[in-house]
Amino acid sequence: MAEEKAKETKENLENVVFVGKKGTMSYVLAVVTQINQGANEVMIKARGKAISRAVDVAEIVRNKFITEAKINDIKIATEEISTEEGNPLKVSAIEIKLVK
């Protein structure tokens, strides 16, 4: 049972693209590569200022590269990050699931 959960978690992490400070096309390439390697779904995740870049990545993939890809689910949340002073910092987060 534990091995199955570990396998599911590993498979899920392989299909996740964490969007950060790099250029938008770097993340588009990562998503397209995963789909071309056989992934049926890819999760695009971002926090804070990178949320708009994650939306751009999803739209570029859908409109320019893999037109049959659809947005299956979008989740938004607020995550707490502990700072050096010990005060929690609240940051917005988004998860966009693209399905081929």
PDB file of N, CA and C in Angstrom:
ATOM      1  N   MET A   1       0.816  -1.191   0.000  1.00  0.00           N
ATOM      2  CA  MET A   1       0.000   0.000   0.000  1.00  0.00           C
ATOM      3  C   MET A   1       0.865   1.262   0.000  1.00  0.00           C
ATOM      4  N   ALA A   2       1.881   1.291   0.838  1.00  0.00           N
ATOM      5  CA  ALA A   2       2.765   2.453   0.908  1.00  0.00           C
ATOM      6  C   ALA A   2       3.553   2.618  -0.388  1.00  0.00           C
ATOM      7  N   GLU A   3       3.932   1.477  -1.000  1.00  0.00           N
ATOM      8  CA  GLU A   3       4.664   1.538  -2.261  1.00  0.00           C
ATOM      9  C   GLU A   3       3.799   2.127  -3.369  1.00  0.00           C
ATOM     10  N   GLU A   4       2.511   1.794  -3.372  1.00  0.00           N
ATOM     11  CA  GLU A   4       1.606   2.334  -4.384  1.00  0.00           C
ATOM     12  C   GLU A   4       1.478   3.849  -4.236  1.00  0.00           C
ATOM     13  N   LYS A   5       1.346   4.330  -2.992  1.00  0.00           N
ATOM     14  CA  LYS A   5       1.239   5.767  -2.768  1.00  0.00           C
ATOM     15  C   LYS A   5       2.523   6.473  -3.178  1.00  0.00           C
ATOM     16  N   ALA A   6       3.671   5.879  -2.867  1.00  0.00           N
ATOM     17  CA  ALA A   6       4.949   6.473  -3.254  1.00  0.00           C
ATOM     18  C   ALA A   6       5.063   6.545  -4.768  1.00  0.00           C
ATOM     19  N   LYS A   7       4.612   5.494  -5.451  1.00  0.00           N
ATOM     20  CA  LYS A   7       4.658   5.474  -6.910  1.00  0.00           C
ATOM     21  C   LYS A   7       3.743   6.544  -7.494  1.00  0.00           C
ATOM     22  N   GLU A   8       2.523   6.669  -6.936  1.00  0.00           N
ATOM     23  CA  GLU A   8       1.588   7.696  -7.407  1.00  0.00           C
ATOM     24  C   GLU A   8       2.168   9.084  -7.190  1.00  0.00           C
ATOM     25  N   THR A   9       2.784   9.325  -6.045  1.00  0.00           N
ATOM     26  CA  THR A   9       3.371  10.626  -5.754  1.00  0.00           C
ATOM     27  C   THR A   9       4.503  10.924  -6.716  1.00  0.00           C
ATOM     28  N   LYS A  10       5.346   9.942  -6.996  1.00  0.00           N
ATOM     29  CA  LYS A  10       6.460  10.136  -7.922  1.00  0.00           C
ATOM     30  C   LYS A  10       5.948  10.437  -9.323  1.00  0.00           C
ATOM     31  N   GLU A  11       4.932   9.684  -9.776  1.00  0.00           N
ATOM     32  CA  GLU A  11       4.365   9.930 -11.093  1.00  0.00           C
ATOM     33  C   GLU A  11       3.759  11.319 -11.171  1.00  0.00           C
ATOM     34  N   ASN A  12       3.084  11.740 -10.094  1.00  0.00           N
ATOM     35  CA  ASN A  12       2.472  13.059 -10.091  1.00  0.00           C
ATOM     36  C   ASN A  12       3.523  14.163 -10.139  1.00  0.00           C
ATOM     37  N   LEU A  13       4.651  13.995  -9.459  1.00  0.00           N
ATOM     38  CA  LEU A  13       5.697  15.003  -9.478  1.00  0.00           C
ATOM     39  C   LEU A  13       6.384  15.081 -10.831  1.00  0.00           C
ATOM     40  N   GLU A  14       6.418  13.978 -11.552  1.00  0.00           N
ATOM     41  CA  GLU A  14       7.038  13.993 -12.870  1.00  0.00           C
ATOM     42  C   GLU A  14       6.223  14.826 -13.847  1.00  0.00           C
ATOM     43  N   ASN A  15       4.935  14.963 -13.607  1.00  0.00           N
ATOM     44  CA  ASN A  15       4.061  15.699 -14.511  1.00  0.00           C
ATOM     45  C   ASN A  15       3.723  17.082 -13.977  1.00  0.00           C
ATOM     46  N   VAL A  16       4.606  17.637 -13.173  1.00  0.00           N
ATOM     47  CA  VAL A  16       4.390  18.963 -12.609  1.00  0.00           C
ATOM     48  C   VAL A  16       5.473  19.906 -13.113  1.00  0.00           C
ATOM     49  N   VAL A  17       5.044  21.097 -13.533  1.00  0.00           N
ATOM     50  CA  VAL A  17       5.982  22.147 -13.925  1.00  0.00           C
ATOM     51  C   VAL A  17       5.783  23.291 -12.946  1.00  0.00           C
ATOM     52  N   PHE A  18       6.839  23.604 -12.179  1.00  0.00           N
ATOM     53  CA  PHE A  18       6.796  24.701 -11.227  1.00  0.00           C
ATOM     54  C   PHE A  18       7.285  25.968 -11.927  1.00  0.00           C
ATOM     55  N   VAL A  19       6.417  26.949 -12.049  1.00  0.00           N
ATOM     56  CA  VAL A  19       6.749  28.184 -12.760  1.00  0.00           C
ATOM     57  C   VAL A  19       7.378  29.161 -11.772  1.00  0.00           C
ATOM     58  N   GLY A  20       8.505  29.744 -12.203  1.00  0.00           N
ATOM     59  CA  GLY A  20       9.229  30.686 -11.361  1.00  0.00           C
ATOM     60  C   GLY A  20       9.651  31.914 -12.143  1.00  0.00           C
ATOM     61  N   LYS A  21      10.940  32.248 -12.068  1.00  0.00           N
ATOM     62  CA  LYS A  21      11.449  33.501 -12.635  1.00  0.00           C
ATOM     63  C   LYS A  21      11.992  33.383 -14.052  1.00  0.00           C
ATOM     64  N   LYS A  22      12.154  32.174 -14.558  1.00  0.00           N
ATOM     65  CA  LYS A  22      12.696  32.012 -15.910  1.00  0.00           C
ATOM     66  C   LYS A  22      11.726  32.579 -16.948  1.00  0.00           C
ATOM     67  N   GLY A  23      12.176  32.607 -18.178  1.00  0.00           N
ATOM     68  CA  GLY A  23      11.324  33.082 -19.260  1.00  0.00           C
ATOM     69  C   GLY A  23      10.149  32.137 -19.504  1.00  0.00           C
ATOM     70  N   THR A  24       9.082  32.680 -20.003  1.00  0.00           N
ATOM     71  CA  THR A  24       7.856  31.917 -20.235  1.00  0.00           C
ATOM     72  C   THR A  24       8.093  30.715 -21.141  1.00  0.00           C
ATOM     73  N   MET A  25       8.887  30.884 -22.179  1.00  0.00           N
ATOM     74  CA  MET A  25       9.079  29.809 -23.145  1.00  0.00           C
ATOM     75  C   MET A  25       9.835  28.618 -22.548  1.00  0.00           C
ATOM     76  N   SER A  26      10.608  28.829 -21.515  1.00  0.00           N
ATOM     77  CA  SER A  26      11.267  27.708 -20.837  1.00  0.00           C
ATOM     78  C   SER A  26      10.226  26.759 -20.256  1.00  0.00           C
ATOM     79  N   TYR A  27       9.205  27.321 -19.654  1.00  0.00           N
ATOM     80  CA  TYR A  27       8.149  26.509 -19.049  1.00  0.00           C
ATOM     81  C   TYR A  27       7.236  25.903 -20.111  1.00  0.00           C
ATOM     82  N   VAL A  28       7.002  26.653 -21.188  1.00  0.00           N
ATOM     83  CA  VAL A  28       6.217  26.103 -22.301  1.00  0.00           C
ATOM     84  C   VAL A  28       6.926  24.877 -22.853  1.00  0.00           C
ATOM     85  N   LEU A  29       8.231  24.961 -23.037  1.00  0.00           N
ATOM     86  CA  LEU A  29       9.013  23.833 -23.544  1.00  0.00           C
ATOM     87  C   LEU A  29       8.918  22.643 -22.591  1.00  0.00           C
ATOM     88  N   ALA A  30       8.963  22.891 -21.294  1.00  0.00           N
ATOM     89  CA  ALA A  30       8.861  21.803 -20.316  1.00  0.00           C
ATOM     90  C   ALA A  30       7.513  21.101 -20.413  1.00  0.00           C
ATOM     91  N   VAL A  31       6.440  21.862 -20.547  1.00  0.00           N
ATOM     92  CA  VAL A  31       5.098  21.275 -20.653  1.00  0.00           C
ATOM     93  C   VAL A  31       4.954  20.490 -21.949  1.00  0.00           C
ATOM     94  N   VAL A  32       5.364  21.080 -23.056  1.00  0.00           N
ATOM     95  CA  VAL A  32       5.256  20.413 -24.360  1.00  0.00           C
ATOM     96  C   VAL A  32       6.094  19.138 -24.376  1.00  0.00           C
ATOM     97  N   THR A  33       7.280  19.179 -23.789  1.00  0.00           N
ATOM     98  CA  THR A  33       8.142  17.999 -23.732  1.00  0.00           C
ATOM     99  C   THR A  33       7.467  16.876 -22.959  1.00  0.00           C
ATOM    100  N   GLN A  34       6.874  17.195 -21.822  1.00  0.00           N
ATOM    101  CA  GLN A  34       6.209  16.162 -21.032  1.00  0.00           C
ATOM    102  C   GLN A  34       5.041  15.539 -21.794  1.00  0.00           C
ATOM    103  N   ILE A  35       4.272  16.359 -22.466  1.00  0.00           N
ATOM    104  CA  ILE A  35       3.132  15.823 -23.223  1.00  0.00           C
ATOM    105  C   ILE A  35       3.625  14.976 -24.392  1.00  0.00           C
ATOM    106  N   ASN A  36       4.671  15.421 -25.065  1.00  0.00           N
ATOM    107  CA  ASN A  36       5.214  14.648 -26.191  1.00  0.00           C
ATOM    108  C   ASN A  36       5.847  13.340 -25.744  1.00  0.00           C
ATOM    109  N   GLN A  37       6.265  13.259 -24.484  1.00  0.00           N
ATOM    110  CA  GLN A  37       6.842  12.020 -23.960  1.00  0.00           C
ATOM    111  C   GLN A  37       5.775  11.073 -23.430  1.00  0.00           C
ATOM    112  N   GLY A  38       4.510  11.411 -23.624  1.00  0.00           N
ATOM    113  CA  GLY A  38       3.440  10.484 -23.280  1.00  0.00           C
ATOM    114  C   GLY A  38       2.591  10.838 -22.087  1.00  0.00           C
ATOM    115  N   ALA A  39       2.860  11.956 -21.433  1.00  0.00           N
ATOM    116  CA  ALA A  39       2.034  12.352 -20.284  1.00  0.00           C
ATOM    117  C   ALA A  39       0.662  12.799 -20.788  1.00  0.00           C
ATOM    118  N   ASN A  40      -0.392  12.249 -20.214  1.00  0.00           N
ATOM    119  CA  ASN A  40      -1.742  12.648 -20.607  1.00  0.00           C
ATOM    120  C   ASN A  40      -2.189  13.923 -19.913  1.00  0.00           C
ATOM    121  N   GLU A  41      -1.585  14.217 -18.775  1.00  0.00           N
ATOM    122  CA  GLU A  41      -1.904  15.449 -18.067  1.00  0.00           C
ATOM    123  C   GLU A  41      -0.653  16.040 -17.448  1.00  0.00           C
ATOM    124  N   VAL A  42      -0.609  17.368 -17.414  1.00  0.00           N
ATOM    125  CA  VAL A  42       0.513  18.088 -16.832  1.00  0.00           C
ATOM    126  C   VAL A  42      -0.056  19.159 -15.912  1.00  0.00           C
ATOM    127  N   MET A  43       0.507  19.258 -14.728  1.00  0.00           N
ATOM    128  CA  MET A  43       0.088  20.257 -13.751  1.00  0.00           C
ATOM    129  C   MET A  43       1.083  21.407 -13.787  1.00  0.00           C
ATOM    130  N   ILE A  44       0.567  22.611 -13.960  1.00  0.00           N
ATOM    131  CA  ILE A  44       1.387  23.820 -13.933  1.00  0.00           C
ATOM    132  C   ILE A  44       1.108  24.511 -12.602  1.00  0.00           C
ATOM    133  N   LYS A  45       2.162  24.726 -11.798  1.00  0.00           N
ATOM    134  CA  LYS A  45       1.992  25.321 -10.478  1.00  0.00           C
ATOM    135  C   LYS A  45       2.820  26.588 -10.372  1.00  0.00           C
ATOM    136  N   ALA A  46       2.263  27.579  -9.664  1.00  0.00           N
ATOM    137  CA  ALA A  46       2.990  28.826  -9.441  1.00  0.00           C
ATOM    138  C   ALA A  46       2.481  29.495  -8.175  1.00  0.00           C
ATOM    139  N   ARG A  47       3.340  30.370  -7.623  1.00  0.00           N
ATOM    140  CA  ARG A  47       2.966  31.153  -6.449  1.00  0.00           C
ATOM    141  C   ARG A  47       3.327  32.608  -6.676  1.00  0.00           C
ATOM    142  N   GLY A  48       2.588  33.483  -6.035  1.00  0.00           N
ATOM    143  CA  GLY A  48       2.918  34.902  -6.027  1.00  0.00           C
ATOM    144  C   GLY A  48       2.925  35.545  -7.399  1.00  0.00           C
ATOM    145  N   LYS A  49       4.002  36.270  -7.680  1.00  0.00           N
ATOM    146  CA  LYS A  49       4.098  37.017  -8.938  1.00  0.00           C
ATOM    147  C   LYS A  49       4.189  36.118 -10.166  1.00  0.00           C
ATOM    148  N   ALA A  50       4.503  34.853  -9.984  1.00  0.00           N
ATOM    149  CA  ALA A  50       4.639  33.927 -11.114  1.00  0.00           C
ATOM    150  C   ALA A  50       3.290  33.391 -11.595  1.00  0.00           C
ATOM    151  N   ILE A  51       2.200  33.734 -10.910  1.00  0.00           N
ATOM    152  CA  ILE A  51       0.885  33.225 -11.304  1.00  0.00           C
ATOM    153  C   ILE A  51       0.535  33.665 -12.718  1.00  0.00           C
ATOM    154  N   SER A  52       0.777  34.917 -13.052  1.00  0.00           N
ATOM    155  CA  SER A  52       0.441  35.391 -14.404  1.00  0.00           C
ATOM    156  C   SER A  52       1.279  34.672 -15.456  1.00  0.00           C
ATOM    157  N   ARG A  53       2.525  34.344 -15.128  1.00  0.00           N
ATOM    158  CA  ARG A  53       3.375  33.599 -16.061  1.00  0.00           C
ATOM    159  C   ARG A  53       2.843  32.185 -16.260  1.00  0.00           C
ATOM    160  N   ALA A  54       2.310  31.565 -15.205  1.00  0.00           N
ATOM    161  CA  ALA A  54       1.736  30.220 -15.315  1.00  0.00           C
ATOM    162  C   ALA A  54       0.515  30.230 -16.230  1.00  0.00           C
ATOM    163  N   VAL A  55      -0.305  31.257 -16.114  1.00  0.00           N
ATOM    164  CA  VAL A  55      -1.472  31.378 -16.999  1.00  0.00           C
ATOM    165  C   VAL A  55      -1.007  31.562 -18.443  1.00  0.00           C
ATOM    166  N   ASP A  56       0.016  32.373 -18.648  1.00  0.00           N
ATOM    167  CA  ASP A  56       0.582  32.564 -19.991  1.00  0.00           C
ATOM    168  C   ASP A  56       1.084  31.242 -20.555  1.00  0.00           C
ATOM    169  N   VAL A  57       1.777  30.449 -19.739  1.00  0.00           N
ATOM    170  CA  VAL A  57       2.298  29.151 -20.180  1.00  0.00           C
ATOM    171  C   VAL A  57       1.160  28.254 -20.640  1.00  0.00           C
ATOM    172  N   ALA A  58       0.115  28.146 -19.840  1.00  0.00           N
ATOM    173  CA  ALA A  58      -1.023  27.294 -20.197  1.00  0.00           C
ATOM    174  C   ALA A  58      -1.667  27.750 -21.502  1.00  0.00           C
ATOM    175  N   GLU A  59      -1.841  29.038 -21.675  1.00  0.00           N
ATOM    176  CA  GLU A  59      -2.489  29.557 -22.884  1.00  0.00           C
ATOM    177  C   GLU A  59      -1.604  29.404 -24.119  1.00  0.00           C
ATOM    178  N   ILE A  60      -0.314  29.605 -23.974  1.00  0.00           N
ATOM    179  CA  ILE A  60       0.587  29.425 -25.123  1.00  0.00           C
ATOM    180  C   ILE A  60       0.602  27.961 -25.558  1.00  0.00           C
ATOM    181  N   VAL A  61       0.672  27.049 -24.588  1.00  0.00           N
ATOM    182  CA  VAL A  61       0.662  25.620 -24.921  1.00  0.00           C
ATOM    183  C   VAL A  61      -0.631  25.273 -25.653  1.00  0.00           C
ATOM    184  N   ARG A  62      -1.766  25.717 -25.115  1.00  0.00           N
ATOM    185  CA  ARG A  62      -3.069  25.377 -25.708  1.00  0.00           C
ATOM    186  C   ARG A  62      -3.269  26.001 -27.089  1.00  0.00           C
ATOM    187  N   ASN A  63      -2.845  27.249 -27.257  1.00  0.00           N
ATOM    188  CA  ASN A  63      -3.155  27.962 -28.500  1.00  0.00           C
ATOM    189  C   ASN A  63      -2.111  27.809 -29.598  1.00  0.00           C
ATOM    190  N   LYS A  64      -0.864  27.566 -29.249  1.00  0.00           N
ATOM    191  CA  LYS A  64       0.200  27.547 -30.257  1.00  0.00           C
ATOM    192  C   LYS A  64       0.795  26.167 -30.515  1.00  0.00           C
ATOM    193  N   PHE A  65       0.942  25.344 -29.491  1.00  0.00           N
ATOM    194  CA  PHE A  65       1.703  24.109 -29.646  1.00  0.00           C
ATOM    195  C   PHE A  65       0.842  22.856 -29.638  1.00  0.00           C
ATOM    196  N   ILE A  66      -0.016  22.695 -28.666  1.00  0.00           N
ATOM    197  CA  ILE A  66      -0.846  21.483 -28.556  1.00  0.00           C
ATOM    198  C   ILE A  66      -2.294  21.941 -28.490  1.00  0.00           C
ATOM    199  N   THR A  67      -2.883  22.150 -29.654  1.00  0.00           N
ATOM    200  CA  THR A  67      -4.219  22.740 -29.727  1.00  0.00           C
ATOM    201  C   THR A  67      -5.306  21.822 -29.178  1.00  0.00           C
ATOM    202  N   GLU A  68      -5.029  20.502 -29.107  1.00  0.00           N
ATOM    203  CA  GLU A  68      -6.033  19.586 -28.552  1.00  0.00           C
ATOM    204  C   GLU A  68      -5.986  19.539 -27.021  1.00  0.00           C
ATOM    205  N   ALA A  69      -5.025  20.213 -26.400  1.00  0.00           N
ATOM    206  CA  ALA A  69      -4.937  20.247 -24.937  1.00  0.00           C
ATOM    207  C   ALA A  69      -6.062  21.114 -24.377  1.00  0.00           C
ATOM    208  N   LYS A  70      -6.622  20.665 -23.283  1.00  0.00           N
ATOM    209  CA  LYS A  70      -7.711  21.375 -22.619  1.00  0.00           C
ATOM    210  C   LYS A  70      -7.328  21.634 -21.169  1.00  0.00           C
ATOM    211  N   ILE A  71      -7.875  22.693 -20.601  1.00  0.00           N
ATOM    212  CA  ILE A  71      -7.696  22.952 -19.179  1.00  0.00           C
ATOM    213  C   ILE A  71      -8.763  22.150 -18.454  1.00  0.00           C
ATOM    214  N   ASN A  72      -8.321  21.198 -17.656  1.00  0.00           N
ATOM    215  CA  ASN A  72      -9.232  20.299 -16.948  1.00  0.00           C
ATOM    216  C   ASN A  72      -9.641  20.864 -15.604  1.00  0.00           C
ATOM    217  N   ASP A  73      -8.708  21.516 -14.912  1.00  0.00           N
ATOM    218  CA  ASP A  73      -9.000  21.984 -13.566  1.00  0.00           C
ATOM    219  C   ASP A  73      -8.070  23.137 -13.215  1.00  0.00           C
ATOM    220  N   ILE A  74      -8.601  24.082 -12.462  1.00  0.00           N
ATOM    221  CA  ILE A  74      -7.797  25.190 -11.939  1.00  0.00           C
ATOM    222  C   ILE A  74      -8.087  25.281 -10.451  1.00  0.00           C
ATOM    223  N   LYS A  75      -7.033  25.270  -9.647  1.00  0.00           N
ATOM    224  CA  LYS A  75      -7.189  25.404  -8.202  1.00  0.00           C
ATOM    225  C   LYS A  75      -6.413  26.629  -7.746  1.00  0.00           C
ATOM    226  N   ILE A  76      -7.030  27.403  -6.873  1.00  0.00           N
ATOM    227  CA  ILE A  76      -6.333  28.539  -6.283  1.00  0.00           C
ATOM    228  C   ILE A  76      -6.309  28.352  -4.773  1.00  0.00           C
ATOM    229  N   ALA A  77      -5.273  28.894  -4.150  1.00  0.00           N
ATOM    230  CA  ALA A  77      -5.129  28.730  -2.707  1.00  0.00           C
ATOM    231  C   ALA A  77      -4.245  29.837  -2.156  1.00  0.00           C
ATOM    232  N   THR A  78      -4.210  29.905  -0.838  1.00  0.00           N
ATOM    233  CA  THR A  78      -3.280  30.779  -0.133  1.00  0.00           C
ATOM    234  C   THR A  78      -2.390  29.895   0.721  1.00  0.00           C
ATOM    235  N   GLU A  79      -1.084  30.015   0.536  1.00  0.00           N
ATOM    236  CA  GLU A  79      -0.132  29.207   1.282  1.00  0.00           C
ATOM    237  C   GLU A  79       0.611  30.096   2.268  1.00  0.00           C
ATOM    238  N   GLU A  80       0.909  29.537   3.427  1.00  0.00           N
ATOM    239  CA  GLU A  80       1.683  30.273   4.418  1.00  0.00           C
ATOM    240  C   GLU A  80       3.137  29.819   4.366  1.00  0.00           C
ATOM    241  N   ILE A  81       4.022  30.787   4.277  1.00  0.00           N
ATOM    242  CA  ILE A  81       5.457  30.517   4.247  1.00  0.00           C
ATOM    243  C   ILE A  81       6.060  31.176   5.482  1.00  0.00           C
ATOM    244  N   SER A  82       6.857  30.434   6.224  1.00  0.00           N
ATOM    245  CA  SER A  82       7.483  31.020   7.409  1.00  0.00           C
ATOM    246  C   SER A  82       8.709  31.833   6.986  1.00  0.00           C
ATOM    247  N   THR A  83       8.832  33.003   7.567  1.00  0.00           N
ATOM    248  CA  THR A  83       9.953  33.881   7.255  1.00  0.00           C
ATOM    249  C   THR A  83      11.029  33.724   8.324  1.00  0.00           C
ATOM    250  N   GLU A  84      12.142  34.384   8.127  1.00  0.00           N
ATOM    251  CA  GLU A  84      13.258  34.307   9.077  1.00  0.00           C
ATOM    252  C   GLU A  84      12.880  34.898  10.434  1.00  0.00           C
ATOM    253  N   GLU A  85      11.992  35.894  10.441  1.00  0.00           N
ATOM    254  CA  GLU A  85      11.582  36.517  11.698  1.00  0.00           C
ATOM    255  C   GLU A  85      10.575  35.649  12.448  1.00  0.00           C
ATOM    256  N   GLY A  86      10.075  34.596  11.816  1.00  0.00           N
ATOM    257  CA  GLY A  86       9.101  33.718  12.443  1.00  0.00           C
ATOM    258  C   GLY A  86       7.665  34.090  12.140  1.00  0.00           C
ATOM    259  N   ASN A  87       7.472  35.192  11.426  1.00  0.00           N
ATOM    260  CA  ASN A  87       6.121  35.603  11.067  1.00  0.00           C
ATOM    261  C   ASN A  87       5.688  34.882   9.785  1.00  0.00           C
ATOM    262  N   PRO A  88       4.498  34.300   9.766  1.00  0.00           N
ATOM    263  CA  PRO A  88       4.054  33.638   8.540  1.00  0.00           C
ATOM    264  C   PRO A  88       3.688  34.665   7.465  1.00  0.00           C
ATOM    265  N   LEU A  89       4.059  34.354   6.242  1.00  0.00           N
ATOM    266  CA  LEU A  89       3.766  35.204   5.096  1.00  0.00           C
ATOM    267  C   LEU A  89       2.775  34.464   4.218  1.00  0.00           C
ATOM    268  N   LYS A  90       1.671  35.110   3.867  1.00  0.00           N
ATOM    269  CA  LYS A  90       0.653  34.466   3.040  1.00  0.00           C
ATOM    270  C   LYS A  90       0.903  34.800   1.572  1.00  0.00           C
ATOM    271  N   VAL A  91       0.933  33.749   0.741  1.00  0.00           N
ATOM    272  CA  VAL A  91       1.214  33.898  -0.681  1.00  0.00           C
ATOM    273  C   VAL A  91       0.133  33.171  -1.474  1.00  0.00           C
ATOM    274  N   SER A  92      -0.363  33.803  -2.513  1.00  0.00           N
ATOM    275  CA  SER A  92      -1.352  33.165  -3.377  1.00  0.00           C
ATOM    276  C   SER A  92      -0.677  32.099  -4.229  1.00  0.00           C
ATOM    277  N   ALA A  93      -1.450  31.055  -4.579  1.00  0.00           N
ATOM    278  CA  ALA A  93      -0.917  29.970  -5.403  1.00  0.00           C
ATOM    279  C   ALA A  93      -1.983  29.518  -6.388  1.00  0.00           C
ATOM    280  N   ILE A  94      -1.535  28.940  -7.507  1.00  0.00           N
ATOM    281  CA  ILE A  94      -2.444  28.427  -8.525  1.00  0.00           C
ATOM    282  C   ILE A  94      -1.911  27.101  -9.065  1.00  0.00           C
ATOM    283  N   GLU A  95      -2.823  26.216  -9.402  1.00  0.00           N
ATOM    284  CA  GLU A  95      -2.506  24.960 -10.074  1.00  0.00           C
ATOM    285  C   GLU A  95      -3.412  24.851 -11.288  1.00  0.00           C
ATOM    286  N   ILE A  96      -2.827  24.669 -12.450  1.00  0.00           N
ATOM    287  CA  ILE A  96      -3.579  24.539 -13.695  1.00  0.00           C
ATOM    288  C   ILE A  96      -3.284  23.156 -14.256  1.00  0.00           C
ATOM    289  N   LYS A  97      -4.325  22.339 -14.447  1.00  0.00           N
ATOM    290  CA  LYS A  97      -4.141  20.999 -14.985  1.00  0.00           C
ATOM    291  C   LYS A  97      -4.499  21.001 -16.465  1.00  0.00           C
ATOM    292  N   LEU A  98      -3.493  20.727 -17.304  1.00  0.00           N
ATOM    293  CA  LEU A  98      -3.704  20.580 -18.745  1.00  0.00           C
ATOM    294  C   LEU A  98      -3.821  19.098 -19.086  1.00  0.00           C
ATOM    295  N   VAL A  99      -4.817  18.757 -19.879  1.00  0.00           N
ATOM    296  CA  VAL A  99      -5.055  17.369 -20.275  1.00  0.00           C
ATOM    297  C   VAL A  99      -5.067  17.296 -21.791  1.00  0.00           C
ATOM    298  N   LYS A 100      -4.393  16.298 -22.315  1.00  0.00           N
ATOM    299  CA  LYS A 100      -4.347  16.107 -23.776  1.00  0.00           C
ATOM    300  C   LYS A 100      -5.535  15.307 -24.226  1.00  0.00           C
TER     301      LYS A 100
END
